[in-house]
Amino acid sequence: GAWLNWGGRETLNSYGIPLPANLGPEHMELLS
């Protein structure tokens, strides 16, 4: 999950995946 803090957020956005405003551990499996 730490990947989202050093670049993964931007990559997910580029694939059309929005991230929750309050991102937490409970969101990781869904994002994957």
ModelCIF file with pLDDT and N, C-alpha, C, O atoms, coordinates in Angstrom:
data_MODEL
#
_entry.id   MODEL 
#
_entity.id                         1 
_entity.type                       polymer 
_entity.pdbx_number_of_molecules   1 
#
_entity_poly.entity_id                      1 
_entity_poly.type                           'polypeptide(L)' 
_entity_poly.nstd_linkage                   no 
_entity_poly.nstd_monomer                   no 
_entity_poly.pdbx_seq_one_letter_code       GAWLNWGGRETLNSYGIPLPANLGPEHMELLS 
_entity_poly.pdbx_seq_one_letter_code_can   GAWLNWGGRETLNSYGIPLPANLGPEHMELLS 
_entity_poly.pdbx_strand_id                 A 
#
loop_
_entity_poly_seq.entity_id 
_entity_poly_seq.num 
_entity_poly_seq.mon_id 
_entity_poly_seq.hetero 
1 1  GLY n 
1 2  ALA n 
1 3  TRP n 
1 4  LEU n 
1 5  ASN n 
1 6  TRP n 
1 7  GLY n 
1 8  GLY n 
1 9  ARG n 
1 10 GLU n 
1 11 THR n 
1 12 LEU n 
1 13 ASN n 
1 14 SER n 
1 15 TYR n 
1 16 GLY n 
1 17 ILE n 
1 18 PRO n 
1 19 LEU n 
1 20 PRO n 
1 21 ALA n 
1 22 ASN n 
1 23 LEU n 
1 24 GLY n 
1 25 PRO n 
1 26 GLU n 
1 27 HIS n 
1 28 MET n 
1 29 GLU n 
1 30 LEU n 
1 31 LEU n 
1 32 SER n 
#
_struct_asym.id          A 
_struct_asym.entity_id   1 
#
loop_
_ma_qa_metric.id 
_ma_qa_metric.mode 
_ma_qa_metric.name 
_ma_qa_metric.software_group_id 
_ma_qa_metric.type 
1 global pLDDT . pLDDT 
2 local  pLDDT . pLDDT 
#
_ma_qa_metric_global.metric_id      1 
_ma_qa_metric_global.metric_value   91.56 
_ma_qa_metric_global.model_id       1 
_ma_qa_metric_global.ordinal_id     1 
#
loop_
_ma_qa_metric_local.label_asym_id 
_ma_qa_metric_local.label_comp_id 
_ma_qa_metric_local.label_seq_id 
_ma_qa_metric_local.metric_id 
_ma_qa_metric_local.metric_value 
_ma_qa_metric_local.model_id 
_ma_qa_metric_local.ordinal_id 
A GLY 1  2 89.00 1 1  
A ALA 2  2 92.00 1 2  
A TRP 3  2 95.00 1 3  
A LEU 4  2 93.00 1 4  
A ASN 5  2 91.00 1 5  
A TRP 6  2 93.00 1 6  
A GLY 7  2 95.00 1 7  
A GLY 8  2 95.00 1 8  
A ARG 9  2 94.00 1 9  
A GLU 10 2 96.00 1 10 
A THR 11 2 98.00 1 11 
A LEU 12 2 97.00 1 12 
A ASN 13 2 96.00 1 13 
A SER 14 2 97.00 1 14 
A TYR 15 2 98.00 1 15 
A GLY 16 2 97.00 1 16 
A ILE 17 2 95.00 1 17 
A PRO 18 2 89.00 1 18 
A LEU 19 2 89.00 1 19 
A PRO 20 2 83.00 1 20 
A ALA 21 2 79.00 1 21 
A ASN 22 2 82.00 1 22 
A LEU 23 2 82.00 1 23 
A GLY 24 2 83.00 1 24 
A PRO 25 2 85.00 1 25 
A GLU 26 2 85.00 1 26 
A HIS 27 2 90.00 1 27 
A MET 28 2 94.00 1 28 
A GLU 29 2 94.00 1 29 
A LEU 30 2 93.00 1 30 
A LEU 31 2 95.00 1 31 
A SER 32 2 96.00 1 32 
#
loop_
_atom_site.group_PDB 
_atom_site.id 
_atom_site.type_symbol 
_atom_site.label_atom_id 
_atom_site.label_alt_id 
_atom_site.label_comp_id 
_atom_site.label_asym_id 
_atom_site.label_entity_id 
_atom_site.label_seq_id 
_atom_site.pdbx_PDB_ins_code 
_atom_site.Cartn_x 
_atom_site.Cartn_y 
_atom_site.Cartn_z 
_atom_site.occupancy 
_atom_site.B_iso_or_equiv 
_atom_site.pdbx_formal_charge 
_atom_site.auth_seq_id 
_atom_site.auth_comp_id 
_atom_site.auth_asym_id 
_atom_site.auth_atom_id 
_atom_site.pdbx_PDB_model_num 
ATOM 1   N N  . GLY A 1 1  ? 0.796   -1.215 0.000   1.00 89.00 ? 1  GLY A N  1 
ATOM 2   C CA . GLY A 1 1  ? 0.000   0.000  0.000   1.00 89.00 ? 1  GLY A CA 1 
ATOM 3   C C  . GLY A 1 1  ? 0.831   1.270  0.000   1.00 89.00 ? 1  GLY A C  1 
ATOM 4   O O  . GLY A 1 1  ? 0.373   2.309  -0.476  1.00 89.00 ? 1  GLY A O  1 
ATOM 5   N N  . ALA A 1 2  ? 2.056   1.201  0.531   1.00 92.00 ? 2  ALA A N  1 
ATOM 6   C CA . ALA A 1 2  ? 2.921   2.383  0.571   1.00 92.00 ? 2  ALA A CA 1 
ATOM 7   C C  . ALA A 1 2  ? 3.245   2.896  -0.827  1.00 92.00 ? 2  ALA A C  1 
ATOM 8   O O  . ALA A 1 2  ? 3.592   4.065  -0.994  1.00 92.00 ? 2  ALA A O  1 
ATOM 9   N N  . TRP A 1 3  ? 3.132   2.030  -1.832  1.00 95.00 ? 3  TRP A N  1 
ATOM 10  C CA . TRP A 1 3  ? 3.393   2.452  -3.218  1.00 95.00 ? 3  TRP A CA 1 
ATOM 11  C C  . TRP A 1 3  ? 2.550   3.658  -3.609  1.00 95.00 ? 3  TRP A C  1 
ATOM 12  O O  . TRP A 1 3  ? 2.997   4.494  -4.395  1.00 95.00 ? 3  TRP A O  1 
ATOM 13  N N  . LEU A 1 4  ? 1.340   3.760  -3.072  1.00 93.00 ? 4  LEU A N  1 
ATOM 14  C CA . LEU A 1 4  ? 0.464   4.869  -3.441  1.00 93.00 ? 4  LEU A CA 1 
ATOM 15  C C  . LEU A 1 4  ? 1.029   6.215  -2.992  1.00 93.00 ? 4  LEU A C  1 
ATOM 16  O O  . LEU A 1 4  ? 0.665   7.255  -3.542  1.00 93.00 ? 4  LEU A O  1 
ATOM 17  N N  . ASN A 1 5  ? 1.901   6.202  -2.014  1.00 91.00 ? 5  ASN A N  1 
ATOM 18  C CA . ASN A 1 5  ? 2.468   7.444  -1.497  1.00 91.00 ? 5  ASN A CA 1 
ATOM 19  C C  . ASN A 1 5  ? 3.710   7.896  -2.262  1.00 91.00 ? 5  ASN A C  1 
ATOM 20  O O  . ASN A 1 5  ? 4.145   9.037  -2.101  1.00 91.00 ? 5  ASN A O  1 
ATOM 21  N N  . TRP A 1 6  ? 4.284   7.036  -3.085  1.00 93.00 ? 6  TRP A N  1 
ATOM 22  C CA . TRP A 1 6  ? 5.459   7.462  -3.857  1.00 93.00 ? 6  TRP A CA 1 
ATOM 23  C C  . TRP A 1 6  ? 5.288   7.215  -5.356  1.00 93.00 ? 6  TRP A C  1 
ATOM 24  O O  . TRP A 1 6  ? 6.205   6.789  -6.058  1.00 93.00 ? 6  TRP A O  1 
ATOM 25  N N  . GLY A 1 7  ? 4.051   7.508  -5.814  1.00 95.00 ? 7  GLY A N  1 
ATOM 26  C CA . GLY A 1 7  ? 3.816   7.500  -7.254  1.00 95.00 ? 7  GLY A CA 1 
ATOM 27  C C  . GLY A 1 7  ? 2.624   6.699  -7.717  1.00 95.00 ? 7  GLY A C  1 
ATOM 28  O O  . GLY A 1 7  ? 2.106   6.933  -8.809  1.00 95.00 ? 7  GLY A O  1 
ATOM 29  N N  . GLY A 1 8  ? 2.176   5.746  -6.898  1.00 95.00 ? 8  GLY A N  1 
ATOM 30  C CA . GLY A 1 8  ? 1.083   4.898  -7.323  1.00 95.00 ? 8  GLY A CA 1 
ATOM 31  C C  . GLY A 1 8  ? -0.224  5.643  -7.548  1.00 95.00 ? 8  GLY A C  1 
ATOM 32  O O  . GLY A 1 8  ? -1.017  5.260  -8.408  1.00 95.00 ? 8  GLY A O  1 
ATOM 33  N N  . ARG A 1 9  ? -0.455  6.705  -6.779  1.00 94.00 ? 9  ARG A N  1 
ATOM 34  C CA . ARG A 1 9  ? -1.690  7.484  -6.958  1.00 94.00 ? 9  ARG A CA 1 
ATOM 35  C C  . ARG A 1 9  ? -1.797  8.005  -8.388  1.00 94.00 ? 9  ARG A C  1 
ATOM 36  O O  . ARG A 1 9  ? -2.834  7.875  -9.039  1.00 94.00 ? 9  ARG A O  1 
ATOM 37  N N  . GLU A 1 10 ? -0.703  8.596  -8.859  1.00 96.00 ? 10 GLU A N  1 
ATOM 38  C CA . GLU A 1 10 ? -0.718  9.158  -10.211 1.00 96.00 ? 10 GLU A CA 1 
ATOM 39  C C  . GLU A 1 10 ? -0.897  8.074  -11.275 1.00 96.00 ? 10 GLU A C  1 
ATOM 40  O O  . GLU A 1 10 ? -1.559  8.289  -12.290 1.00 96.00 ? 10 GLU A O  1 
ATOM 41  N N  . THR A 1 11 ? -0.305  6.922  -11.030 1.00 98.00 ? 11 THR A N  1 
ATOM 42  C CA . THR A 1 11 ? -0.459  5.831  -11.994 1.00 98.00 ? 11 THR A CA 1 
ATOM 43  C C  . THR A 1 11 ? -1.899  5.328  -12.017 1.00 98.00 ? 11 THR A C  1 
ATOM 44  O O  . THR A 1 11 ? -2.455  5.114  -13.094 1.00 98.00 ? 11 THR A O  1 
ATOM 45  N N  . LEU A 1 12 ? -2.511  5.137  -10.853 1.00 97.00 ? 12 LEU A N  1 
ATOM 46  C CA . LEU A 1 12 ? -3.910  4.713  -10.816 1.00 97.00 ? 12 LEU A CA 1 
ATOM 47  C C  . LEU A 1 12 ? -4.801  5.737  -11.518 1.00 97.00 ? 12 LEU A C  1 
ATOM 48  O O  . LEU A 1 12 ? -5.709  5.363  -12.261 1.00 97.00 ? 12 LEU A O  1 
ATOM 49  N N  . ASN A 1 13 ? -4.547  7.016  -11.289 1.00 96.00 ? 13 ASN A N  1 
ATOM 50  C CA . ASN A 1 13 ? -5.332  8.052  -11.963 1.00 96.00 ? 13 ASN A CA 1 
ATOM 51  C C  . ASN A 1 13 ? -5.191  7.958  -13.473 1.00 96.00 ? 13 ASN A C  1 
ATOM 52  O O  . ASN A 1 13 ? -6.164  8.160  -14.200 1.00 96.00 ? 13 ASN A O  1 
ATOM 53  N N  . SER A 1 14 ? -3.993  7.654  -13.954 1.00 97.00 ? 14 SER A N  1 
ATOM 54  C CA . SER A 1 14 ? -3.780  7.577  -15.403 1.00 97.00 ? 14 SER A CA 1 
ATOM 55  C C  . SER A 1 14 ? -4.536  6.408  -16.020 1.00 97.00 ? 14 SER A C  1 
ATOM 56  O O  . SER A 1 14 ? -4.850  6.429  -17.210 1.00 97.00 ? 14 SER A O  1 
ATOM 57  N N  . TYR A 1 15 ? -4.830  5.387  -15.214 1.00 98.00 ? 15 TYR A N  1 
ATOM 58  C CA . TYR A 1 15 ? -5.641  4.262  -15.681 1.00 98.00 ? 15 TYR A CA 1 
ATOM 59  C C  . TYR A 1 15 ? -7.126  4.464  -15.382 1.00 98.00 ? 15 TYR A C  1 
ATOM 60  O O  . TYR A 1 15 ? -7.920  3.532  -15.510 1.00 98.00 ? 15 TYR A O  1 
ATOM 61  N N  . GLY A 1 16 ? -7.494  5.664  -14.991 1.00 97.00 ? 16 GLY A N  1 
ATOM 62  C CA . GLY A 1 16 ? -8.897  5.987  -14.781 1.00 97.00 ? 16 GLY A CA 1 
ATOM 63  C C  . GLY A 1 16 ? -9.465  5.494  -13.471 1.00 97.00 ? 16 GLY A C  1 
ATOM 64  O O  . GLY A 1 16 ? -10.669 5.260  -13.366 1.00 97.00 ? 16 GLY A O  1 
ATOM 65  N N  . ILE A 1 17 ? -8.613  5.331  -12.463 1.00 95.00 ? 17 ILE A N  1 
ATOM 66  C CA . ILE A 1 17 ? -9.055  4.839  -11.160 1.00 95.00 ? 17 ILE A CA 1 
ATOM 67  C C  . ILE A 1 17 ? -8.976  5.981  -10.160 1.00 95.00 ? 17 ILE A C  1 
ATOM 68  O O  . ILE A 1 17 ? -7.877  6.386  -9.781  1.00 95.00 ? 17 ILE A O  1 
ATOM 69  N N  . PRO A 1 18 ? -10.127 6.515  -9.718  1.00 89.00 ? 18 PRO A N  1 
ATOM 70  C CA . PRO A 1 18 ? -10.098 7.597  -8.727  1.00 89.00 ? 18 PRO A CA 1 
ATOM 71  C C  . PRO A 1 18 ? -9.808  7.045  -7.338  1.00 89.00 ? 18 PRO A C  1 
ATOM 72  O O  . PRO A 1 18 ? -10.192 5.922  -7.008  1.00 89.00 ? 18 PRO A O  1 
ATOM 73  N N  . LEU A 1 19 ? -9.129  7.846  -6.533  1.00 89.00 ? 19 LEU A N  1 
ATOM 74  C CA . LEU A 1 19 ? -8.820  7.434  -5.170  1.00 89.00 ? 19 LEU A CA 1 
ATOM 75  C C  . LEU A 1 19 ? -9.724  8.156  -4.188  1.00 89.00 ? 19 LEU A C  1 
ATOM 76  O O  . LEU A 1 19 ? -10.030 9.333  -4.381  1.00 89.00 ? 19 LEU A O  1 
ATOM 77  N N  . PRO A 1 20 ? -10.160 7.466  -3.131  1.00 83.00 ? 20 PRO A N  1 
ATOM 78  C CA . PRO A 1 20 ? -10.990 8.118  -2.107  1.00 83.00 ? 20 PRO A CA 1 
ATOM 79  C C  . PRO A 1 20 ? -10.250 9.290  -1.468  1.00 83.00 ? 20 PRO A C  1 
ATOM 80  O O  . PRO A 1 20 ? -9.023  9.285  -1.372  1.00 83.00 ? 20 PRO A O  1 
ATOM 81  N N  . ALA A 1 21 ? -11.014 10.295 -1.032  1.00 79.00 ? 21 ALA A N  1 
ATOM 82  C CA . ALA A 1 21 ? -10.395 11.457 -0.391  1.00 79.00 ? 21 ALA A CA 1 
ATOM 83  C C  . ALA A 1 21 ? -9.657  11.057 0.876   1.00 79.00 ? 21 ALA A C  1 
ATOM 84  O O  . ALA A 1 21 ? -8.558  11.546 1.139   1.00 79.00 ? 21 ALA A O  1 
ATOM 85  N N  . ASN A 1 22 ? -10.247 10.184 1.650   1.00 82.00 ? 22 ASN A N  1 
ATOM 86  C CA . ASN A 1 22 ? -9.619  9.709  2.887   1.00 82.00 ? 22 ASN A CA 1 
ATOM 87  C C  . ASN A 1 22 ? -9.174  8.265  2.685   1.00 82.00 ? 22 ASN A C  1 
ATOM 88  O O  . ASN A 1 22 ? -9.847  7.324  3.104   1.00 82.00 ? 22 ASN A O  1 
ATOM 89  N N  . LEU A 1 23 ? -8.037  8.118  2.041   1.00 82.00 ? 23 LEU A N  1 
ATOM 90  C CA . LEU A 1 23 ? -7.543  6.795  1.676   1.00 82.00 ? 23 LEU A CA 1 
ATOM 91  C C  . LEU A 1 23 ? -7.042  6.063  2.913   1.00 82.00 ? 23 LEU A C  1 
ATOM 92  O O  . LEU A 1 23 ? -6.265  6.611  3.694   1.00 82.00 ? 23 LEU A O  1 
ATOM 93  N N  . GLY A 1 24 ? -7.488  4.824  3.089   1.00 83.00 ? 24 GLY A N  1 
ATOM 94  C CA . GLY A 1 24 ? -7.072  4.022  4.226   1.00 83.00 ? 24 GLY A CA 1 
ATOM 95  C C  . GLY A 1 24 ? -6.774  2.598  3.803   1.00 83.00 ? 24 GLY A C  1 
ATOM 96  O O  . GLY A 1 24 ? -6.991  2.233  2.648   1.00 83.00 ? 24 GLY A O  1 
ATOM 97  N N  . PRO A 1 25 ? -6.272  1.780  4.738   1.00 85.00 ? 25 PRO A N  1 
ATOM 98  C CA . PRO A 1 25 ? -5.940  0.387  4.428   1.00 85.00 ? 25 PRO A CA 1 
ATOM 99  C C  . PRO A 1 25 ? -7.116  -0.398 3.868   1.00 85.00 ? 25 PRO A C  1 
ATOM 100 O O  . PRO A 1 25 ? -6.932  -1.322 3.076   1.00 85.00 ? 25 PRO A O  1 
ATOM 101 N N  . GLU A 1 26 ? -8.332  -0.030 4.282   1.00 85.00 ? 26 GLU A N  1 
ATOM 102 C CA . GLU A 1 26 ? -9.510  -0.765 3.821   1.00 85.00 ? 26 GLU A CA 1 
ATOM 103 C C  . GLU A 1 26 ? -9.774  -0.607 2.327   1.00 85.00 ? 26 GLU A C  1 
ATOM 104 O O  . GLU A 1 26 ? -10.568 -1.354 1.754   1.00 85.00 ? 26 GLU A O  1 
ATOM 105 N N  . HIS A 1 27 ? -9.114  0.359  1.695   1.00 90.00 ? 27 HIS A N  1 
ATOM 106 C CA . HIS A 1 27 ? -9.330  0.589  0.268   1.00 90.00 ? 27 HIS A CA 1 
ATOM 107 C C  . HIS A 1 27 ? -8.347  -0.184 -0.622  1.00 90.00 ? 27 HIS A C  1 
ATOM 108 O O  . HIS A 1 27 ? -8.539  -0.244 -1.836  1.00 90.00 ? 27 HIS A O  1 
ATOM 109 N N  . MET A 1 28 ? -7.314  -0.766 -0.042  1.00 94.00 ? 28 MET A N  1 
ATOM 110 C CA . MET A 1 28 ? -6.223  -1.316 -0.840  1.00 94.00 ? 28 MET A CA 1 
ATOM 111 C C  . MET A 1 28 ? -6.661  -2.468 -1.746  1.00 94.00 ? 28 MET A C  1 
ATOM 112 O O  . MET A 1 28 ? -6.337  -2.492 -2.934  1.00 94.00 ? 28 MET A O  1 
ATOM 113 N N  . GLU A 1 29 ? -7.386  -3.403 -1.187  1.00 94.00 ? 29 GLU A N  1 
ATOM 114 C CA . GLU A 1 29 ? -7.803  -4.555 -1.988  1.00 94.00 ? 29 GLU A CA 1 
ATOM 115 C C  . GLU A 1 29 ? -8.700  -4.119 -3.142  1.00 94.00 ? 29 GLU A C  1 
ATOM 116 O O  . GLU A 1 29 ? -8.579  -4.636 -4.252  1.00 94.00 ? 29 GLU A O  1 
ATOM 117 N N  . LEU A 1 30 ? -9.590  -3.181 -2.887  1.00 93.00 ? 30 LEU A N  1 
ATOM 118 C CA . LEU A 1 30 ? -10.465 -2.690 -3.941  1.00 93.00 ? 30 LEU A CA 1 
ATOM 119 C C  . LEU A 1 30 ? -9.665  -2.019 -5.044  1.00 93.00 ? 30 LEU A C  1 
ATOM 120 O O  . LEU A 1 30 ? -9.919  -2.262 -6.224  1.00 93.00 ? 30 LEU A O  1 
ATOM 121 N N  . LEU A 1 31 ? -8.709  -1.183 -4.683  1.00 95.00 ? 31 LEU A N  1 
ATOM 122 C CA . LEU A 1 31 ? -7.895  -0.498 -5.685  1.00 95.00 ? 31 LEU A CA 1 
ATOM 123 C C  . LEU A 1 31 ? -7.071  -1.502 -6.495  1.00 95.00 ? 31 LEU A C  1 
ATOM 124 O O  . LEU A 1 31 ? -6.895  -1.332 -7.702  1.00 95.00 ? 31 LEU A O  1 
ATOM 125 N N  . SER A 1 32 ? -6.574  -2.530 -5.843  1.00 96.00 ? 32 SER A N  1 
ATOM 126 C CA . SER A 1 32 ? -5.813  -3.553 -6.552  1.00 96.00 ? 32 SER A CA 1 
ATOM 127 C C  . SER A 1 32 ? -6.697  -4.267 -7.576  1.00 96.00 ? 32 SER A C  1 
ATOM 128 O O  . SER A 1 32 ? -6.230  -5.166 -8.275  1.00 96.00 ? 32 SER A O  1 
#
